[in-house]
Protein backbone atom coordinates (compact mmCIF):
# COMPACT_ATOMS: atom_id res chain seq x y z
CA UNK A 1 32.08 13.75 -6.43
CA UNK A 2 34.99 11.53 -8.06
CA UNK A 3 33.18 8.27 -8.48
CA UNK A 4 34.85 5.96 -6.68
CA UNK A 5 31.92 2.66 -6.82
CA UNK A 6 32.97 0.83 -9.94
CA UNK A 7 29.16 -0.43 -9.94
CA UNK A 8 25.25 0.00 -11.61
CA UNK A 9 21.97 0.37 -9.66
CA UNK A 10 18.97 -0.94 -11.27
CA UNK A 11 15.54 -0.28 -10.11
CA UNK A 12 13.01 -2.45 -11.02
CA UNK A 13 9.41 -1.70 -10.52
CA UNK A 14 6.35 -3.90 -11.48
CA UNK A 15 3.19 -2.16 -11.69
CA UNK A 16 -0.58 -2.58 -13.17
CA UNK A 17 -3.01 0.24 -12.91
CA UNK A 18 -1.61 2.70 -10.35
CA UNK A 19 -0.37 5.52 -12.89
CA UNK A 20 -0.18 8.63 -10.50
CA UNK A 21 1.94 6.38 -7.79
CA UNK A 22 4.16 4.90 -10.45
CA UNK A 23 5.13 8.41 -11.38
CA UNK A 24 5.74 9.08 -7.53
CA UNK A 25 8.19 6.47 -7.64
CA UNK A 26 10.03 7.41 -10.03
CA UNK A 27 9.77 10.63 -9.90
CA UNK A 28 11.25 10.15 -6.26
CA UNK A 29 14.60 7.94 -8.03
CA UNK A 30 14.65 10.67 -10.23
CA UNK A 31 15.78 13.54 -7.48
CA UNK A 32 17.75 10.74 -5.92
CA UNK A 33 19.79 10.69 -9.66
CA UNK A 34 19.97 13.91 -8.97
CA UNK A 35 21.77 13.61 -5.64
CA UNK A 36 24.47 11.73 -6.48
CA UNK A 37 24.47 11.87 -10.59
CA UNK A 38 28.25 9.66 -10.83
CA UNK A 39 26.54 6.79 -9.93
CA UNK A 40 25.41 4.96 -12.71
CA UNK A 41 21.81 4.06 -12.57
CA UNK A 42 18.68 2.85 -14.74
CA UNK A 43 14.49 2.23 -14.53
CA UNK A 44 13.77 -0.78 -15.63
CA UNK A 45 9.02 -0.97 -15.53
CA UNK A 46 7.45 -3.80 -16.37
CA UNK A 47 3.97 -3.14 -16.99
CA UNK A 48 1.71 -5.63 -17.00
CA UNK A 49 -2.30 -6.11 -18.07
CA UNK A 50 -1.84 -3.39 -20.32
CA UNK A 51 -0.15 -2.32 -23.89
CA UNK A 52 -1.51 0.94 -24.14
CA UNK A 53 1.29 2.88 -23.36
CA UNK A 54 1.97 4.99 -20.16
CA UNK A 55 1.89 8.69 -19.89
CA UNK A 56 4.43 8.90 -17.17
CA UNK A 57 6.57 12.17 -16.84
CA UNK A 58 9.99 11.82 -17.45
CA UNK A 59 12.86 13.83 -16.63
CA UNK A 60 15.67 11.10 -17.85
CA UNK A 61 13.94 9.25 -20.22
CA UNK A 62 17.72 7.66 -21.28
CA UNK A 63 17.56 5.83 -18.17
CA UNK A 64 14.10 4.08 -17.80
CA UNK A 65 12.93 1.84 -20.04
CA UNK A 66 9.10 0.32 -19.80
CA UNK A 67 8.25 -3.05 -21.02
CA UNK A 68 4.66 -4.43 -21.50
CA UNK A 69 4.02 -8.24 -20.73
CA UNK A 70 1.31 -9.99 -20.53
CA UNK A 71 2.31 -12.65 -18.40
CA UNK A 72 0.70 -11.93 -14.98
CA UNK A 73 2.56 -12.59 -11.35
CA UNK A 74 4.80 -9.79 -9.32
CA UNK A 75 7.85 -12.85 -9.62
CA UNK A 76 7.57 -13.25 -13.41
CA UNK A 77 7.53 -8.95 -13.69
CA UNK A 78 10.40 -8.79 -11.23
CA UNK A 79 12.34 -12.18 -12.97
CA UNK A 80 11.83 -10.66 -16.63
CA UNK A 81 13.46 -7.05 -15.55
CA UNK A 82 16.22 -9.12 -13.67
CA UNK A 83 16.70 -10.34 -17.03
CA UNK A 84 16.96 -7.44 -19.13
CA UNK A 85 18.68 -5.23 -16.55
CA UNK A 86 22.66 -4.88 -16.63
CA UNK A 87 23.33 -3.52 -13.10
CA UNK A 88 25.34 -4.53 -11.09
CA UNK A 89 23.17 -4.18 -8.14
CA UNK A 90 19.35 -4.73 -8.71
CA UNK A 91 16.79 -2.74 -6.20
CA UNK A 92 13.40 -3.77 -5.41
CA UNK A 93 10.68 -1.65 -5.33
CA UNK A 94 6.61 -1.49 -5.39
CA UNK A 95 4.87 0.70 -7.35
CA UNK A 96 3.27 3.18 -4.74
CA UNK A 97 6.57 2.86 -3.39
CA UNK A 98 9.22 5.90 -2.73
CA UNK A 99 12.57 6.86 -1.90
CA UNK A 100 14.78 9.18 0.03
CA UNK A 101 16.70 12.25 -2.05
CA UNK A 102 19.42 10.47 -0.19
CA UNK A 103 19.03 6.40 -0.71
CA UNK A 104 21.79 6.26 -3.99
CA UNK A 105 24.09 8.06 -1.78
CA UNK A 106 23.67 5.57 1.32
CA UNK A 107 22.86 2.33 -0.66
CA UNK A 108 26.70 3.57 -2.81
CA UNK A 109 28.50 4.07 0.99
CA UNK A 110 27.09 1.03 2.36
CA UNK A 111 27.86 -1.35 -0.41
CA UNK A 112 31.55 -1.05 -0.47
CA UNK A 113 31.08 -0.44 3.56
CA UNK A 114 30.31 -4.96 3.28
CA UNK A 115 31.97 -5.37 0.05
CA UNK A 116 31.58 -8.92 0.90
CA UNK A 117 27.28 -8.57 1.04
CA UNK A 118 25.06 -9.74 -1.09
CA UNK A 119 21.88 -9.31 -0.17
CA UNK A 120 20.21 -5.78 1.56
CA UNK A 121 16.61 -4.73 2.93
CA UNK A 122 16.04 -1.06 4.15
CA UNK A 123 13.87 0.78 6.69
CA UNK A 124 9.98 1.63 5.48
CA UNK A 125 8.11 4.91 6.69
CA UNK A 126 5.16 6.10 6.14
CA UNK A 127 5.30 9.82 3.77
CA UNK A 128 2.13 11.65 5.02
CA UNK A 129 2.51 10.00 8.49
CA UNK A 130 6.16 9.29 8.99
CA UNK A 131 5.36 6.08 10.46
CA UNK A 132 7.15 2.88 10.66
CA UNK A 133 5.84 0.77 8.09
CA UNK A 134 6.12 -2.05 10.73
CA UNK A 135 7.47 -1.97 14.60
CA UNK A 136 11.30 -4.13 13.28
CA UNK A 137 11.59 -0.35 11.12
CA UNK A 138 11.76 1.52 14.75
CA UNK A 139 15.28 -0.51 15.35
CA UNK A 140 17.98 1.81 14.10
CA UNK A 141 20.45 -0.93 14.83
CA UNK A 142 22.54 -1.91 11.26
CA UNK A 143 22.81 -5.74 11.69
CA UNK A 144 23.03 -8.62 9.93
CA UNK A 145 19.40 -10.56 10.06
CA UNK A 146 18.61 -14.24 11.35
CA UNK A 147 15.69 -16.30 9.99
CA UNK A 148 13.92 -15.28 12.98
CA UNK A 149 13.87 -11.81 11.70
CA UNK A 150 12.86 -12.07 7.99
CA UNK A 151 10.04 -9.88 8.17
CA UNK A 152 12.95 -6.99 7.71
CA UNK A 153 13.79 -7.79 3.89
CA UNK A 154 9.89 -6.60 3.08
CA UNK A 155 9.02 -6.80 -0.50
CA UNK A 156 9.80 -2.81 -1.41
CA UNK A 157 12.62 -2.18 0.44
CA UNK A 158 15.34 -5.29 -0.93
CA UNK A 159 18.29 -5.08 -2.21
CA UNK A 160 20.48 -7.75 -4.13
CA UNK A 161 23.74 -7.73 -6.11
CA UNK A 162 22.73 -9.61 -9.61
CA UNK A 163 25.77 -12.30 -9.54
CA UNK A 164 23.66 -13.07 -5.91
CA UNK A 165 20.23 -14.12 -8.13
CA UNK A 166 22.04 -15.50 -11.03
CA UNK A 167 23.83 -18.65 -8.61
CA UNK A 168 20.76 -19.51 -5.80
CA UNK A 169 17.91 -18.27 -8.99
CA UNK A 170 15.60 -16.18 -9.94
CA UNK A 171 12.34 -15.88 -7.92
CA UNK A 172 9.84 -18.45 -7.58
CA UNK A 173 6.49 -17.97 -9.30
CA UNK A 174 4.16 -19.58 -7.53
CA UNK A 175 4.87 -16.91 -5.15
CA UNK A 176 3.59 -12.77 -5.48
CA UNK A 177 0.82 -10.66 -5.79
CA UNK A 178 -1.21 -12.39 -9.15
CA UNK A 179 -0.40 -16.22 -8.93
CA UNK A 180 -1.68 -18.88 -6.84
CA UNK A 181 0.76 -18.02 -3.73
CA UNK A 182 -0.07 -14.09 -3.74
CA UNK A 183 2.97 -12.87 -1.71
CA UNK A 184 5.92 -13.50 0.22
CA UNK A 185 8.28 -13.79 -2.61
CA UNK A 186 10.99 -11.89 -0.65
CA UNK A 187 10.78 -13.58 2.27
CA UNK A 188 10.97 -16.93 -0.01
CA UNK A 189 14.01 -15.78 -1.56
CA UNK A 190 15.20 -13.59 2.12
CA UNK A 191 15.48 -17.47 3.32
CA UNK A 192 16.79 -19.45 0.19
CA UNK A 193 20.20 -16.69 0.83
CA UNK A 194 20.24 -17.89 4.52
CA UNK A 195 19.97 -20.70 2.84
CA UNK A 196 23.01 -20.65 0.75
CA UNK A 197 24.77 -19.47 3.55
CA UNK A 198 24.64 -15.05 2.48
CA UNK A 199 24.10 -12.72 4.20
CA UNK A 200 21.38 -10.57 4.98
CA UNK A 201 21.96 -6.66 6.06
CA UNK A 202 19.49 -4.20 7.33
CA UNK A 203 20.73 -0.78 6.74
CA UNK A 204 18.12 1.85 8.61
CA UNK A 205 19.44 4.36 6.86
CA UNK A 206 18.12 3.04 3.49
CA UNK A 207 14.94 4.97 3.58
CA UNK A 208 12.01 3.76 1.35
CA UNK A 209 8.73 5.69 1.83
CA UNK A 210 5.65 3.17 2.04
CA UNK A 211 1.72 3.86 2.48
CA UNK A 212 0.52 2.94 6.16
CA UNK A 213 -3.71 2.27 4.63
CA UNK A 214 -5.82 2.01 7.88
CA UNK A 215 -7.61 -0.60 6.70
CA UNK A 216 -7.09 -3.45 4.93
CA UNK A 217 -9.77 -5.89 3.11
CA UNK A 218 -9.89 -9.23 4.28
CA UNK A 219 -9.38 -10.79 0.61
CA UNK A 220 -5.74 -9.39 0.78
CA UNK A 221 -4.90 -9.57 4.27
CA UNK A 222 -6.39 -13.24 3.31
CA UNK A 223 -4.02 -14.00 0.50
CA UNK A 224 -1.24 -12.48 1.68
CA UNK A 225 -1.04 -14.43 5.07
CA UNK A 226 -2.07 -17.83 3.05
CA UNK A 227 1.42 -16.95 0.57
CA UNK A 228 2.75 -16.84 3.77
CA UNK A 229 2.30 -20.07 5.73
CA UNK A 230 3.33 -21.60 2.36
CA UNK A 231 6.12 -20.22 2.03
CA UNK A 232 7.17 -21.70 5.86
CA UNK A 233 6.13 -25.04 5.11
CA UNK A 234 7.99 -24.60 1.88
CA UNK A 235 10.83 -24.42 3.53
CA UNK A 236 10.57 -26.34 6.26
CA UNK A 237 10.79 -28.89 3.23
CA UNK A 238 13.93 -27.33 1.87
CA UNK A 239 16.01 -26.51 4.92
CA UNK A 240 15.18 -29.00 7.25
CA UNK A 241 18.00 -28.09 9.35
CA UNK A 242 16.65 -24.99 10.76
CA UNK A 243 13.09 -27.11 10.83
CA UNK A 244 12.72 -26.04 14.12
CA UNK A 245 12.97 -22.56 13.96
CA UNK A 246 10.45 -21.73 10.84
CA UNK A 247 7.58 -24.18 13.06
CA UNK A 248 8.07 -21.93 15.96
CA UNK A 249 7.05 -18.83 13.59
CA UNK A 250 4.24 -20.56 11.96
CA UNK A 251 3.00 -21.36 15.56
CA UNK A 252 3.66 -17.61 16.91
CA UNK A 253 1.95 -16.72 13.91
CA UNK A 254 -1.26 -19.12 14.89
CA UNK A 255 -1.07 -18.52 18.06
CA UNK A 256 -1.13 -14.50 17.87
CA UNK A 257 -3.32 -14.79 15.63
CA UNK A 258 -6.04 -16.85 17.85
CA UNK A 259 -5.91 -15.06 20.27
CA UNK A 260 -6.73 -11.91 18.53
CA UNK A 261 -9.36 -13.18 17.12
CA UNK A 262 -10.61 -14.69 20.41
CA UNK A 263 -10.66 -10.39 21.70
CA UNK A 264 -12.67 -9.34 18.22
CA UNK A 265 -15.58 -11.63 19.54
CA UNK A 266 -15.53 -10.32 22.98
CA UNK A 267 -13.07 -7.77 23.38
CA UNK A 268 -13.82 -5.93 19.75
CA UNK A 269 -14.66 -1.90 21.05
CA UNK A 270 -10.72 -2.23 22.35
CA UNK A 271 -9.37 -4.05 19.31
CA UNK A 272 -11.35 -2.57 16.42
CA UNK A 273 -9.19 0.16 14.59
CA UNK A 274 -6.22 -2.26 14.52
CA UNK A 275 -8.54 -5.52 13.51
CA UNK A 276 -9.75 -3.06 10.12
CA UNK A 277 -5.78 -3.45 9.45
CA UNK A 278 -4.60 -6.35 9.97
CA UNK A 279 -7.83 -8.83 10.21
CA UNK A 280 -6.71 -11.03 12.97
CA UNK A 281 -9.18 -13.81 11.59
CA UNK A 282 -7.94 -13.74 8.11
CA UNK A 283 -4.26 -14.68 9.25
CA UNK A 284 -5.41 -16.90 10.74
CA UNK A 285 -7.69 -19.03 8.37
CA UNK A 286 -4.82 -17.75 6.17
CA UNK A 287 -2.02 -19.29 8.07
CA UNK A 288 -3.30 -22.58 8.20
CA UNK A 289 -5.40 -23.07 4.74
CA UNK A 290 -1.77 -21.91 3.23
CA UNK A 291 0.49 -24.43 5.16
CA UNK A 292 -2.34 -26.81 4.45
CA UNK A 293 -2.74 -27.12 0.94
CA UNK A 294 1.21 -26.56 0.35
CA UNK A 295 1.54 -29.97 1.77
CA UNK A 296 -1.28 -30.70 -0.17
CA UNK A 297 0.72 -30.27 -3.54
CA UNK A 298 3.31 -31.44 -2.25
CA UNK A 299 1.82 -35.35 -1.43
CA UNK A 300 -0.28 -34.77 -5.20
CA UNK A 301 3.65 -34.78 -6.94
C-alpha cells in the first residue's frame, strides 16, 4: 500500500501504577501499527509517581519512548508529552483504554476526507461487554459537534492536530486527574476549540475501547462532577456569548441528578444498580460545589 498521507501520528499515554492495563494499551497500538505500517507513528508514555523503570513488553521499541516525571496531574503529563511529540496529529488515550486494529487506517482516511478539521473524537466501547461507553456513542452518524454535544469528546477518545494545540494553548493544568479540579480537562479543551471557531468532528468508525465499571466510588464520581461544574463555570466567564448554553447544561445536570437522588431515597431498589455506577448524589453535590468554588476562586483573584 502506497502512503499518500503526509502526516505522522503520536499516541500520548499518561500512566500511574496501572502496568497491566498500560501493557494492553500499548499492545493494541502496536497491532494497529502492524495493520498500517506505511503510516509513521510514535508512542509517548509519561509515567508519574515513580522513577522505577516499567517492565513493559514492546514489539517496536524504536517507536516507543517512556518518560518518568515528578510532577503529578493528567494535564501536566499530557502537556509534557505534547512538547516532546513529533507527530502532526496527537491521539490522547488513557492507560486503561485500547484502540481497534483498524484505528490508524481509519484515522488516516478521515484526516484526508476532513482535511480542514483539526479536532476529532471517536466512539468508546467496552471491550468485554461490547457495550457503548455512554448513550451518545450509540450514534452511528459522523457529524460536527455543537456545544451541547461536548460529552462525545471524551478524555480517552480524542485526536488533535498539533498545530491547533500550539495555536490555542496546551491543556489547562488546573483540570485533570491529580489536579485542583480532578477531571474535565478534555471538555475544557473542547470548548476552547469551539471558542476559536474550530470544527470538532465525531467519527463513529474510529473505535476506542474502555472498560465500563459497574460500581463507581463516591469520591471518584464527586471529583469528576466537581471538575465539570468548575469547567462549565469557567466557560461562562470566558465564552459569554454562549452563556445561556452553559447555564442550560449546568441546570440539566443538576436537575437530573436531583431527581435521581430523590429516587434513591424513596425507590432505591428500582434504581440501585444505576446508582452504584452513576452515584447521583455525588454528581449533584460535586457539580454545585464546583460551580461555587470556581466563582469563589475568581472573586479572590
